[in-house]
Amino acid sequence: MNHNASRAAPPHRSRGIVLLCLAVLGVAGGAYVLRRPLMMSAPTCMAGRWHGCYDTFNGVVLMTLVAVPVSAVVAWALASRRRAADGPWACRKSLAEVGMVHGTVPFLWLTLMPGAAAGLVPGRLSLVPLRDLVTMGALGIIGNLLVFAALGFFAPMRFAALASVPRVLALGAGCSALVETAQYVFRLDRVSSVDDVLVNAVGAALAAVASRRWWRTTAHAPADRARPAPVTAA
């Protein structure tokens, strides 16, 4: 009987519970801070009207918070389905997959939301590094840091190839460059800035550093478990 494996399972499970609790506390704290502006969009969103809900910051954030229980159920279902194959890593892998989608798609929606003169004015570029950074303000910088934070936090936990801070930094920069290019090509009445790419990438990297203790073990665990034991000479 492998006593080491039985002893290793509780720490993995407890870390997953801690991660889930931190996520719930973060969502609850954000909802409390933003409760007043979110409630302004609640009647429109609950009525199912597109205008005033999904085309506003408050509405998108509200629906993201409302969808948290749905995402939790999806993560639980995925973990239950793959528990036999992945063992103690099933919960963390499932949470990582759902977390990447739930935490990234709303920010992409907000970033690609058309401005008032979308389609009427040509695309604008800002290619001088750090020139726009001083005009963003604290709220703008925080928002840009969060765009790919969920991707940076969860992707290394799910994909072994991304279990590296420099790789997550490159992933965040590449995804952000695609978003800025889409803003310019589709003339969304937004400024495609190199500073946005830099801040988005840094946000993904910082999130990867925050989840490092989980992805350093999880990202390689299934491969290590599947690897055959070395043959020793008799």
Protein backbone atom coordinates (compact mmCIF):
# COMPACT_ATOMS: atom_id res chain seq x y z
CA MET A 1 0.00 0.00 0.00
CA ASN A 2 1.28 3.44 -0.94
CA HIS A 3 1.11 5.43 2.33
CA ASN A 4 2.81 8.46 0.73
CA ALA A 5 -0.01 8.90 -1.77
CA SER A 6 -2.64 8.66 0.97
CA ARG A 7 -0.83 11.28 3.01
CA ALA A 8 -0.45 13.61 -0.01
CA ALA A 9 -4.15 13.71 -0.85
CA PRO A 10 -5.40 15.79 2.14
CA PRO A 11 -2.95 18.69 1.54
CA HIS A 12 -4.04 18.89 -2.12
CA ARG A 13 -7.68 18.87 -1.07
CA SER A 14 -7.17 21.44 1.66
CA ARG A 15 -5.32 23.79 -0.70
CA GLY A 16 -8.18 23.54 -3.16
CA ILE A 17 -10.65 24.42 -0.42
CA VAL A 18 -8.51 27.40 0.60
CA LEU A 19 -8.38 28.58 -3.01
CA LEU A 20 -12.15 28.30 -3.34
CA CYS A 21 -12.71 30.17 -0.07
CA LEU A 22 -10.41 32.98 -1.17
CA ALA A 23 -12.27 33.27 -4.46
CA VAL A 24 -15.62 33.43 -2.66
CA LEU A 25 -14.33 36.08 -0.26
CA GLY A 26 -12.94 38.11 -3.15
CA VAL A 27 -16.24 38.01 -5.01
CA ALA A 28 -18.17 38.91 -1.87
CA GLY A 29 -15.84 41.81 -1.11
CA GLY A 30 -16.10 43.16 -4.64
CA ALA A 31 -19.88 42.91 -4.55
CA TYR A 32 -20.01 44.78 -1.26
CA VAL A 33 -17.79 47.62 -2.52
CA LEU A 34 -19.73 47.97 -5.77
CA ARG A 35 -23.18 47.24 -4.37
CA ARG A 36 -24.67 50.67 -5.11
CA PRO A 37 -23.67 51.02 -8.78
CA LEU A 38 -24.48 47.36 -9.39
CA MET A 39 -27.99 47.75 -8.05
CA MET A 40 -28.57 50.55 -10.56
CA SER A 41 -28.38 47.98 -13.37
CA ALA A 42 -30.24 45.22 -11.52
CA PRO A 43 -33.80 46.06 -12.75
CA THR A 44 -32.68 46.22 -16.39
CA CYS A 45 -30.64 43.01 -16.19
CA MET A 46 -33.34 41.09 -14.33
CA ALA A 47 -35.84 42.15 -17.01
CA GLY A 48 -33.59 40.60 -19.65
CA ARG A 49 -33.07 43.82 -21.59
CA TRP A 50 -29.81 44.06 -23.52
CA HIS A 51 -29.54 47.83 -23.58
CA GLY A 52 -28.68 49.14 -20.15
CA CYS A 53 -27.32 45.81 -18.95
CA TYR A 54 -24.86 44.07 -21.25
CA ASP A 55 -23.68 47.30 -22.85
CA THR A 56 -22.75 48.91 -19.50
CA PHE A 57 -19.92 48.29 -17.06
CA ASN A 58 -22.28 47.92 -14.09
CA GLY A 59 -24.50 45.44 -15.89
CA VAL A 60 -21.66 43.21 -17.07
CA VAL A 61 -20.09 43.12 -13.60
CA LEU A 62 -23.47 42.36 -12.02
CA MET A 63 -24.18 39.45 -14.36
CA THR A 64 -20.65 38.14 -13.81
CA LEU A 65 -21.31 37.97 -10.07
CA VAL A 66 -24.75 36.44 -10.58
CA ALA A 67 -23.18 33.69 -12.73
CA VAL A 68 -20.70 32.65 -10.02
CA PRO A 69 -22.98 29.87 -8.63
CA VAL A 70 -23.47 28.52 -12.15
CA SER A 71 -19.72 28.40 -12.70
CA ALA A 72 -19.27 26.68 -9.34
CA VAL A 73 -21.76 23.97 -10.35
CA VAL A 74 -20.00 23.50 -13.70
CA ALA A 75 -16.62 23.16 -11.96
CA TRP A 76 -18.07 20.61 -9.53
CA ALA A 77 -19.60 18.59 -12.39
CA LEU A 78 -16.32 18.55 -14.31
CA ALA A 79 -14.40 17.50 -11.20
CA SER A 80 -16.85 14.67 -10.49
CA ARG A 81 -16.60 13.42 -14.05
CA ARG A 82 -12.81 13.27 -14.14
CA ARG A 83 -12.15 12.27 -10.52
CA ALA A 84 -11.43 8.63 -11.40
CA ALA A 85 -8.81 9.59 -14.00
CA ASP A 86 -7.15 12.58 -12.32
CA GLY A 87 -7.59 11.73 -8.64
CA PRO A 88 -6.79 14.62 -6.26
CA TRP A 89 -6.03 16.97 -9.17
CA ALA A 90 -9.52 16.73 -10.70
CA CYS A 91 -10.97 19.52 -8.56
CA ARG A 92 -8.10 21.91 -9.18
CA LYS A 93 -8.00 21.31 -12.94
CA SER A 94 -11.76 21.79 -13.24
CA LEU A 95 -11.68 24.94 -11.13
CA ALA A 96 -8.84 26.28 -13.28
CA GLU A 97 -10.75 25.69 -16.52
CA VAL A 98 -13.94 27.34 -15.29
CA GLY A 99 -12.02 30.13 -13.57
CA MET A 100 -10.14 31.05 -16.75
CA VAL A 101 -13.39 31.42 -18.70
CA HIS A 102 -15.48 33.07 -15.99
CA GLY A 103 -12.77 35.54 -15.01
CA THR A 104 -11.60 36.49 -18.51
CA VAL A 105 -14.65 36.64 -20.79
CA PRO A 106 -16.39 39.53 -18.93
CA PHE A 107 -13.23 41.66 -19.06
CA LEU A 108 -12.82 40.93 -22.76
CA TRP A 109 -16.45 41.94 -23.27
CA LEU A 110 -15.86 45.24 -21.48
CA THR A 111 -12.61 45.87 -23.36
CA LEU A 112 -14.24 45.26 -26.74
CA MET A 113 -17.39 47.21 -25.93
CA PRO A 114 -17.90 49.83 -28.68
CA GLY A 115 -17.59 53.52 -27.86
CA ALA A 116 -20.11 56.22 -28.73
CA ALA A 117 -18.59 56.86 -32.17
CA ALA A 118 -17.82 53.25 -33.11
CA GLY A 119 -17.63 52.78 -36.86
CA LEU A 120 -17.59 56.54 -37.46
CA VAL A 121 -14.08 57.50 -36.41
CA PRO A 122 -10.88 55.78 -37.59
CA GLY A 123 -8.86 53.60 -35.27
CA ARG A 124 -6.37 55.41 -33.05
CA LEU A 125 -2.94 54.18 -32.02
CA SER A 126 -0.61 55.05 -29.17
CA LEU A 127 2.72 53.31 -29.76
CA VAL A 128 4.94 55.28 -27.39
CA PRO A 129 5.54 53.20 -24.25
CA LEU A 130 4.49 54.72 -20.91
CA ARG A 131 2.93 57.80 -22.52
CA ASP A 132 -0.65 56.74 -21.74
CA LEU A 133 0.21 55.23 -18.38
CA VAL A 134 0.20 58.60 -16.61
CA THR A 135 -3.28 59.40 -17.95
CA MET A 136 -4.92 56.09 -16.99
CA GLY A 137 -5.39 56.90 -13.33
CA ALA A 138 -5.50 54.37 -10.53
CA LEU A 139 -8.84 52.90 -11.60
CA GLY A 140 -7.68 52.48 -15.21
CA ILE A 141 -4.45 50.78 -14.16
CA ILE A 142 -6.27 48.40 -11.82
CA GLY A 143 -8.79 47.57 -14.54
CA ASN A 144 -6.05 46.81 -17.04
CA LEU A 145 -4.22 44.64 -14.52
CA LEU A 146 -7.38 42.56 -14.06
CA VAL A 147 -8.16 41.94 -17.75
CA PHE A 148 -6.04 38.78 -17.98
CA ALA A 149 -5.48 38.22 -14.26
CA ALA A 150 -7.77 35.19 -14.17
CA LEU A 151 -6.02 33.72 -17.19
CA GLY A 152 -2.64 34.24 -15.56
CA PHE A 153 -3.82 32.83 -12.25
CA PHE A 154 -5.47 29.65 -13.54
CA ALA A 155 -3.73 28.81 -16.84
CA PRO A 156 -0.49 27.52 -15.24
CA MET A 157 -2.58 25.34 -12.92
CA ARG A 158 -4.22 23.69 -15.94
CA PHE A 159 -1.51 23.59 -18.60
CA ALA A 160 2.01 22.39 -17.78
CA ALA A 161 3.40 24.27 -20.78
CA LEU A 162 2.39 27.56 -19.12
CA ALA A 163 3.86 26.76 -15.70
CA SER A 164 6.33 29.63 -15.90
CA VAL A 165 5.93 33.32 -15.11
CA PRO A 166 7.75 34.47 -18.31
CA ARG A 167 5.45 32.27 -20.40
CA VAL A 168 2.37 33.69 -18.71
CA LEU A 169 3.76 37.19 -19.29
CA ALA A 170 4.16 36.36 -23.00
CA LEU A 171 0.64 34.87 -23.08
CA GLY A 172 -0.85 38.00 -21.53
CA ALA A 173 1.05 40.24 -23.95
CA GLY A 174 -0.04 38.18 -26.96
CA CYS A 175 -3.70 38.09 -25.95
CA SER A 176 -3.68 41.80 -25.17
CA ALA A 177 -2.07 42.59 -28.53
CA LEU A 178 -4.89 40.69 -30.26
CA VAL A 179 -7.49 42.68 -28.31
CA GLU A 180 -5.85 46.02 -29.13
CA THR A 181 -5.64 45.01 -32.80
CA ALA A 182 -9.35 44.12 -32.81
CA GLN A 183 -10.19 47.51 -31.31
CA TYR A 184 -8.30 49.21 -34.13
CA VAL A 185 -9.49 47.03 -37.01
CA PHE A 186 -13.17 47.10 -36.04
CA ARG A 187 -13.06 50.84 -35.27
CA LEU A 188 -14.56 50.53 -31.82
CA ASP A 189 -13.83 54.16 -30.91
CA ARG A 190 -11.04 53.15 -28.54
CA VAL A 191 -7.33 53.89 -28.42
CA SER A 192 -5.14 50.88 -29.15
CA SER A 193 -2.25 51.52 -26.79
CA VAL A 194 1.01 49.72 -26.21
CA ASP A 195 0.65 50.65 -22.54
CA ASP A 196 -2.53 48.59 -22.35
CA VAL A 197 -0.57 45.59 -23.63
CA LEU A 198 2.18 46.14 -21.07
CA VAL A 199 -0.20 46.54 -18.10
CA ASN A 200 -2.38 43.61 -19.17
CA ALA A 201 0.68 41.38 -19.44
CA VAL A 202 2.01 42.49 -16.05
CA GLY A 203 -1.40 41.75 -14.50
CA ALA A 204 -1.33 38.20 -15.89
CA ALA A 205 2.21 37.68 -14.61
CA LEU A 206 1.41 38.99 -11.13
CA ALA A 207 -1.59 36.67 -10.95
CA ALA A 208 0.64 33.76 -11.95
CA VAL A 209 3.02 34.63 -9.14
CA ALA A 210 0.07 34.67 -6.72
CA SER A 211 -0.95 31.11 -7.72
CA ARG A 212 2.61 29.79 -7.96
CA ARG A 213 2.34 27.49 -4.94
CA TRP A 214 -0.54 25.64 -6.61
CA TRP A 215 0.64 25.36 -10.20
CA ARG A 216 4.20 24.36 -9.32
CA THR A 217 2.84 21.03 -8.06
CA THR A 218 -0.39 20.62 -10.01
CA ALA A 219 0.87 21.39 -13.49
CA HIS A 220 3.33 18.49 -13.46
CA ALA A 221 1.56 16.06 -11.17
CA PRO A 222 -0.51 14.11 -13.74
CA ALA A 223 2.49 13.70 -16.04
CA ASP A 224 4.67 12.54 -13.15
CA ARG A 225 2.05 10.10 -12.02
CA ALA A 226 1.69 8.63 -15.52
CA ARG A 227 5.42 8.33 -16.05
CA PRO A 228 6.63 4.73 -15.60
CA ALA A 229 8.98 4.02 -12.71
CA PRO A 230 12.66 3.77 -13.64
CA VAL A 231 14.07 0.29 -14.01
CA THR A 232 16.90 -0.43 -11.62
CA ALA A 233 19.58 -2.98 -12.24
CA ALA A 234 19.31 -6.17 -10.24
